[in-house]
Amino acid sequence: MAGVFLDHPDKIRYPVGDFAIDPELTVAKRKQWLEQMAEMPEKLGAALSGLDDKQLGTPYREGGWTPQQVVHHLADAHVNGFVRFKLALTEDLPSIKTYEETLWAETADGRHAPAEMSLRLLAALHQRWIILLESLSETQFACAFGHPQRGVMTIDKAIQLYAWHGIHHTAHITGLRARRGW
């Protein structure tokens, strides 16, 4: 799994545990995180496969997002993440802006656009992201951006976050399917 997972009492909200940075970076761990990022769109697609409109509109937990919103959230978050990586590589410790993910999930595209649109976006985005990441030198993995809540995030740390993020939200959908017998 990406990063270090801490057990969490709310298994539905955090099905793979909370995220924490793994401080012991190795080339093998980085390779694993990159593989998880590369595989995420396909695994997400498998999690969504065969769901009908009613199922896509069912929240994975009370007060939570629907699978439709989850896939659009992943596209929103990972587009932002890709831009953050590019900024870190081309600027000196840029400060990034956060966004109101809860409000983004309530926009018309976040609630009603076909999930397949964001799946295609994620597939293309992750292909580009992996090409970028596999081209980096050891020094470039230390490039960083300033995050208002997380502090300085190196590319090595952010890789862990985005690998976990895809696994985390895919597990929301697979968990919902398991609980509902879909």
C-alpha atoms as a PDB file:
ATOM      1  CA  MET A   1       0.000   0.000   0.000  1.00  0.00           C
ATOM      2  CA  ALA A   2       1.038   3.581  -0.541  1.00  0.00           C
ATOM      3  CA  GLY A   3       2.550   5.383   2.407  1.00  0.00           C
ATOM      4  CA  VAL A   4       1.950   4.238   5.940  1.00  0.00           C
ATOM      5  CA  PHE A   5      -1.632   3.458   6.885  1.00  0.00           C
ATOM      6  CA  LEU A   6      -2.889   3.999  10.369  1.00  0.00           C
ATOM      7  CA  ASP A   7      -5.867   1.997  11.532  1.00  0.00           C
ATOM      8  CA  HIS A   8      -9.026   4.045  11.715  1.00  0.00           C
ATOM      9  CA  PRO A   9     -12.220   3.355  13.663  1.00  0.00           C
ATOM     10  CA  ASP A  10     -14.375   4.522  10.749  1.00  0.00           C
ATOM     11  CA  LYS A  11     -13.655   1.682   8.294  1.00  0.00           C
ATOM     12  CA  ILE A  12     -16.275   2.862   5.807  1.00  0.00           C
ATOM     13  CA  ARG A  13     -14.925   6.406   5.557  1.00  0.00           C
ATOM     14  CA  TYR A  14     -11.262   5.293   5.670  1.00  0.00           C
ATOM     15  CA  PRO A  15     -11.382   1.773   4.237  1.00  0.00           C
ATOM     16  CA  VAL A  16      -7.602   1.557   3.781  1.00  0.00           C
ATOM     17  CA  GLY A  17      -6.744   3.639   6.851  1.00  0.00           C
ATOM     18  CA  ASP A  18      -5.581   7.203   7.251  1.00  0.00           C
ATOM     19  CA  PHE A  19      -2.717   8.476   5.147  1.00  0.00           C
ATOM     20  CA  ALA A  20       0.680   9.216   6.622  1.00  0.00           C
ATOM     21  CA  ILE A  21       3.945   9.958   4.860  1.00  0.00           C
ATOM     22  CA  ASP A  22       6.390   7.049   4.832  1.00  0.00           C
ATOM     23  CA  PRO A  23       9.635   8.718   5.948  1.00  0.00           C
ATOM     24  CA  GLU A  24      11.801   5.827   4.738  1.00  0.00           C
ATOM     25  CA  LEU A  25      11.896   6.425   1.002  1.00  0.00           C
ATOM     26  CA  THR A  26      13.480   3.788  -1.192  1.00  0.00           C
ATOM     27  CA  VAL A  27      13.634   3.271  -4.925  1.00  0.00           C
ATOM     28  CA  ALA A  28      11.563   0.079  -4.495  1.00  0.00           C
ATOM     29  CA  LYS A  29       8.831   1.902  -2.549  1.00  0.00           C
ATOM     30  CA  ARG A  30       8.767   4.723  -5.099  1.00  0.00           C
ATOM     31  CA  LYS A  31       8.373   2.135  -7.874  1.00  0.00           C
ATOM     32  CA  GLN A  32       5.443   0.588  -5.992  1.00  0.00           C
ATOM     33  CA  TRP A  33       3.727   3.966  -5.567  1.00  0.00           C
ATOM     34  CA  LEU A  34       4.194   4.755  -9.246  1.00  0.00           C
ATOM     35  CA  GLU A  35       2.696   1.371 -10.156  1.00  0.00           C
ATOM     36  CA  GLN A  36      -0.284   2.111  -7.913  1.00  0.00           C
ATOM     37  CA  MET A  37      -0.761   5.469  -9.630  1.00  0.00           C
ATOM     38  CA  ALA A  38      -0.474   3.858 -13.069  1.00  0.00           C
ATOM     39  CA  GLU A  39      -3.007   1.129 -12.197  1.00  0.00           C
ATOM     40  CA  MET A  40      -5.540   3.390 -10.508  1.00  0.00           C
ATOM     41  CA  PRO A  41      -7.700   4.331 -13.517  1.00  0.00           C
ATOM     42  CA  GLU A  42      -8.093   0.685 -14.541  1.00  0.00           C
ATOM     43  CA  LYS A  43      -8.897  -0.427 -10.987  1.00  0.00           C
ATOM     44  CA  LEU A  44     -11.362   2.431 -10.592  1.00  0.00           C
ATOM     45  CA  GLY A  45     -12.991   1.445 -13.885  1.00  0.00           C
ATOM     46  CA  ALA A  46     -13.324  -2.138 -12.664  1.00  0.00           C
ATOM     47  CA  ALA A  47     -14.906  -0.891  -9.426  1.00  0.00           C
ATOM     48  CA  LEU A  48     -17.477   1.105 -11.414  1.00  0.00           C
ATOM     49  CA  SER A  49     -18.090  -1.556 -14.046  1.00  0.00           C
ATOM     50  CA  GLY A  50     -21.710  -2.625 -14.394  1.00  0.00           C
ATOM     51  CA  LEU A  51     -23.146  -0.083 -11.962  1.00  0.00           C
ATOM     52  CA  ASP A  52     -26.426   1.389 -13.130  1.00  0.00           C
ATOM     53  CA  ASP A  53     -27.550   4.995 -12.651  1.00  0.00           C
ATOM     54  CA  LYS A  54     -29.257   4.248  -9.343  1.00  0.00           C
ATOM     55  CA  GLN A  55     -26.150   2.526  -7.984  1.00  0.00           C
ATOM     56  CA  LEU A  56     -23.902   5.350  -9.264  1.00  0.00           C
ATOM     57  CA  GLY A  57     -26.175   7.731  -7.335  1.00  0.00           C
ATOM     58  CA  THR A  58     -26.010   5.836  -4.033  1.00  0.00           C
ATOM     59  CA  PRO A  59     -23.744   7.414  -1.381  1.00  0.00           C
ATOM     60  CA  TYR A  60     -21.034   5.061  -0.144  1.00  0.00           C
ATOM     61  CA  ARG A  61     -21.874   6.168   3.419  1.00  0.00           C
ATOM     62  CA  GLU A  62     -24.408   8.448   5.077  1.00  0.00           C
ATOM     63  CA  GLY A  63     -23.389  11.994   4.192  1.00  0.00           C
ATOM     64  CA  GLY A  64     -20.790  10.695   1.753  1.00  0.00           C
ATOM     65  CA  TRP A  65     -20.344  11.012  -1.974  1.00  0.00           C
ATOM     66  CA  THR A  66     -21.871   8.771  -4.576  1.00  0.00           C
ATOM     67  CA  PRO A  67     -19.634   6.665  -6.833  1.00  0.00           C
ATOM     68  CA  GLN A  68     -20.426   9.215  -9.560  1.00  0.00           C
ATOM     69  CA  GLN A  69     -19.099  12.026  -7.363  1.00  0.00           C
ATOM     70  CA  VAL A  70     -16.105   9.955  -6.250  1.00  0.00           C
ATOM     71  CA  VAL A  71     -14.878   9.410  -9.804  1.00  0.00           C
ATOM     72  CA  HIS A  72     -15.307  13.101 -10.643  1.00  0.00           C
ATOM     73  CA  HIS A  73     -13.568  14.059  -7.396  1.00  0.00           C
ATOM     74  CA  LEU A  74     -10.619  11.851  -8.317  1.00  0.00           C
ATOM     75  CA  ALA A  75     -10.383  13.596 -11.685  1.00  0.00           C
ATOM     76  CA  ASP A  76     -10.547  17.026 -10.028  1.00  0.00           C
ATOM     77  CA  ALA A  77      -7.986  16.138  -7.382  1.00  0.00           C
ATOM     78  CA  HIS A  78      -5.545  14.413  -9.703  1.00  0.00           C
ATOM     79  CA  VAL A  79      -5.657  17.194 -12.309  1.00  0.00           C
ATOM     80  CA  ASN A  80      -4.766  19.562  -9.471  1.00  0.00           C
ATOM     81  CA  GLY A  81      -2.054  17.145  -8.332  1.00  0.00           C
ATOM     82  CA  PHE A  82      -0.484  16.903 -11.782  1.00  0.00           C
ATOM     83  CA  VAL A  83      -0.341  20.705 -11.992  1.00  0.00           C
ATOM     84  CA  ARG A  84       1.237  20.838  -8.529  1.00  0.00           C
ATOM     85  CA  PHE A  85       3.962  18.434  -9.631  1.00  0.00           C
ATOM     86  CA  LYS A  86       4.649  20.505 -12.752  1.00  0.00           C
ATOM     87  CA  LEU A  87       4.823  23.685 -10.660  1.00  0.00           C
ATOM     88  CA  ALA A  88       7.268  22.027  -8.242  1.00  0.00           C
ATOM     89  CA  LEU A  89       9.484  21.013 -11.154  1.00  0.00           C
ATOM     90  CA  THR A  90       9.476  24.412 -12.842  1.00  0.00           C
ATOM     91  CA  GLU A  91       9.375  26.922  -9.972  1.00  0.00           C
ATOM     92  CA  ASP A  92      11.236  27.403  -6.717  1.00  0.00           C
ATOM     93  CA  LEU A  93       8.967  26.047  -3.954  1.00  0.00           C
ATOM     94  CA  PRO A  94       5.698  27.419  -5.353  1.00  0.00           C
ATOM     95  CA  SER A  95       2.793  27.930  -2.997  1.00  0.00           C
ATOM     96  CA  ILE A  96      -0.202  26.052  -4.295  1.00  0.00           C
ATOM     97  CA  LYS A  97      -3.848  26.913  -3.845  1.00  0.00           C
ATOM     98  CA  THR A  98      -6.264  24.441  -2.351  1.00  0.00           C
ATOM     99  CA  TYR A  99      -9.823  24.068  -3.592  1.00  0.00           C
ATOM    100  CA  GLU A 100     -13.144  23.379  -1.934  1.00  0.00           C
ATOM    101  CA  GLU A 101     -13.518  19.727  -2.925  1.00  0.00           C
ATOM    102  CA  THR A 102     -16.909  19.388  -1.242  1.00  0.00           C
ATOM    103  CA  LEU A 103     -18.296  22.295  -3.269  1.00  0.00           C
ATOM    104  CA  TRP A 104     -16.646  21.023  -6.465  1.00  0.00           C
ATOM    105  CA  ALA A 105     -18.451  17.695  -5.934  1.00  0.00           C
ATOM    106  CA  GLU A 106     -21.774  19.571  -5.888  1.00  0.00           C
ATOM    107  CA  THR A 107     -21.302  21.309  -9.261  1.00  0.00           C
ATOM    108  CA  ALA A 108     -23.360  20.026 -12.203  1.00  0.00           C
ATOM    109  CA  ASP A 109     -20.430  18.143 -13.729  1.00  0.00           C
ATOM    110  CA  GLY A 110     -19.492  16.652 -10.350  1.00  0.00           C
ATOM    111  CA  ARG A 111     -22.989  15.322  -9.753  1.00  0.00           C
ATOM    112  CA  HIS A 112     -24.338  14.515 -13.206  1.00  0.00           C
ATOM    113  CA  ALA A 113     -21.637  14.096 -15.857  1.00  0.00           C
ATOM    114  CA  PRO A 114     -21.167  10.491 -16.969  1.00  0.00           C
ATOM    115  CA  ALA A 115     -18.570   8.715 -14.842  1.00  0.00           C
ATOM    116  CA  GLU A 116     -16.927   7.474 -18.038  1.00  0.00           C
ATOM    117  CA  MET A 117     -15.844  11.040 -18.855  1.00  0.00           C
ATOM    118  CA  SER A 118     -13.729  11.276 -15.726  1.00  0.00           C
ATOM    119  CA  LEU A 119     -12.460   7.717 -16.164  1.00  0.00           C
ATOM    120  CA  ARG A 120     -11.130   8.668 -19.615  1.00  0.00           C
ATOM    121  CA  LEU A 121      -9.629  11.855 -18.201  1.00  0.00           C
ATOM    122  CA  LEU A 122      -7.933   9.922 -15.403  1.00  0.00           C
ATOM    123  CA  ALA A 123      -6.563   7.298 -17.800  1.00  0.00           C
ATOM    124  CA  ALA A 124      -4.954   9.923 -20.037  1.00  0.00           C
ATOM    125  CA  LEU A 125      -3.795  12.042 -17.104  1.00  0.00           C
ATOM    126  CA  HIS A 126      -2.156   9.126 -15.311  1.00  0.00           C
ATOM    127  CA  GLN A 127      -0.407   8.046 -18.511  1.00  0.00           C
ATOM    128  CA  ARG A 128       1.129  11.506 -18.793  1.00  0.00           C
ATOM    129  CA  TRP A 129       1.860  11.682 -15.074  1.00  0.00           C
ATOM    130  CA  ILE A 130       3.762   8.386 -15.137  1.00  0.00           C
ATOM    131  CA  ILE A 131       5.765   9.466 -18.198  1.00  0.00           C
ATOM    132  CA  LEU A 132       6.708  12.618 -16.302  1.00  0.00           C
ATOM    133  CA  LEU A 133       7.560  10.827 -13.070  1.00  0.00           C
ATOM    134  CA  GLU A 134       9.594   8.091 -14.738  1.00  0.00           C
ATOM    135  CA  SER A 135      11.704  10.778 -16.433  1.00  0.00           C
ATOM    136  CA  LEU A 136      12.763  12.447 -13.171  1.00  0.00           C
ATOM    137  CA  SER A 137      16.239  12.371 -11.753  1.00  0.00           C
ATOM    138  CA  GLU A 138      16.815  11.575  -8.091  1.00  0.00           C
ATOM    139  CA  THR A 139      17.290  15.304  -7.459  1.00  0.00           C
ATOM    140  CA  GLN A 140      13.978  16.175  -9.082  1.00  0.00           C
ATOM    141  CA  PHE A 141      12.047  13.912  -6.692  1.00  0.00           C
ATOM    142  CA  ALA A 142      13.118  16.374  -3.977  1.00  0.00           C
ATOM    143  CA  CYS A 143      11.479  19.324  -5.775  1.00  0.00           C
ATOM    144  CA  ALA A 144       8.613  20.603  -3.673  1.00  0.00           C
ATOM    145  CA  PHE A 145       5.572  22.828  -3.423  1.00  0.00           C
ATOM    146  CA  GLY A 146       4.153  24.580  -0.388  1.00  0.00           C
ATOM    147  CA  HIS A 147       0.746  23.280   0.638  1.00  0.00           C
ATOM    148  CA  PRO A 148      -1.327  25.509   2.963  1.00  0.00           C
ATOM    149  CA  GLN A 149      -2.341  22.561   5.192  1.00  0.00           C
ATOM    150  CA  ARG A 150       0.341  19.905   4.611  1.00  0.00           C
ATOM    151  CA  GLY A 151       3.381  22.194   4.542  1.00  0.00           C
ATOM    152  CA  VAL A 152       6.262  21.491   2.188  1.00  0.00           C
ATOM    153  CA  MET A 153       5.466  18.519  -0.025  1.00  0.00           C
ATOM    154  CA  THR A 154       8.266  17.034  -2.065  1.00  0.00           C
ATOM    155  CA  ILE A 155       7.356  15.104  -5.179  1.00  0.00           C
ATOM    156  CA  ASP A 156       8.402  11.940  -3.327  1.00  0.00           C
ATOM    157  CA  LYS A 157       5.913  12.700  -0.551  1.00  0.00           C
ATOM    158  CA  ALA A 158       3.168  13.753  -2.956  1.00  0.00           C
ATOM    159  CA  ILE A 159       3.537  10.517  -4.952  1.00  0.00           C
ATOM    160  CA  GLN A 160       2.622   8.648  -1.777  1.00  0.00           C
ATOM    161  CA  LEU A 161      -0.399  10.871  -1.250  1.00  0.00           C
ATOM    162  CA  TYR A 162      -1.802  10.463  -4.755  1.00  0.00           C
ATOM    163  CA  ALA A 163      -1.162   6.710  -4.830  1.00  0.00           C
ATOM    164  CA  TRP A 164      -3.047   6.401  -1.509  1.00  0.00           C
ATOM    165  CA  HIS A 165      -5.782   8.774  -2.695  1.00  0.00           C
ATOM    166  CA  GLY A 166      -6.689   6.576  -5.668  1.00  0.00           C
ATOM    167  CA  ILE A 167      -6.690   3.409  -3.570  1.00  0.00           C
ATOM    168  CA  HIS A 168      -8.717   5.125  -0.822  1.00  0.00           C
ATOM    169  CA  HIS A 169     -11.519   6.298  -3.105  1.00  0.00           C
ATOM    170  CA  THR A 170     -11.606   3.122  -5.196  1.00  0.00           C
ATOM    171  CA  ALA A 171     -12.106   1.263  -1.908  1.00  0.00           C
ATOM    172  CA  HIS A 172     -15.126   3.483  -1.166  1.00  0.00           C
ATOM    173  CA  ILE A 173     -16.778   2.098  -4.284  1.00  0.00           C
ATOM    174  CA  THR A 174     -15.692  -1.530  -3.833  1.00  0.00           C
ATOM    175  CA  GLY A 175     -16.777  -1.351  -0.187  1.00  0.00           C
ATOM    176  CA  LEU A 176     -20.208  -0.023  -1.160  1.00  0.00           C
ATOM    177  CA  ARG A 177     -20.550  -2.811  -3.715  1.00  0.00           C
ATOM    178  CA  ALA A 178     -19.592  -5.448  -1.137  1.00  0.00           C
ATOM    179  CA  ARG A 179     -21.993  -4.082   1.495  1.00  0.00           C
ATOM    180  CA  ARG A 180     -24.860  -3.893  -1.017  1.00  0.00           C
ATOM    181  CA  GLY A 181     -24.069  -7.197  -2.758  1.00  0.00           C
ATOM    182  CA  TRP A 182     -23.619  -5.546  -6.161  1.00  0.00           C
END
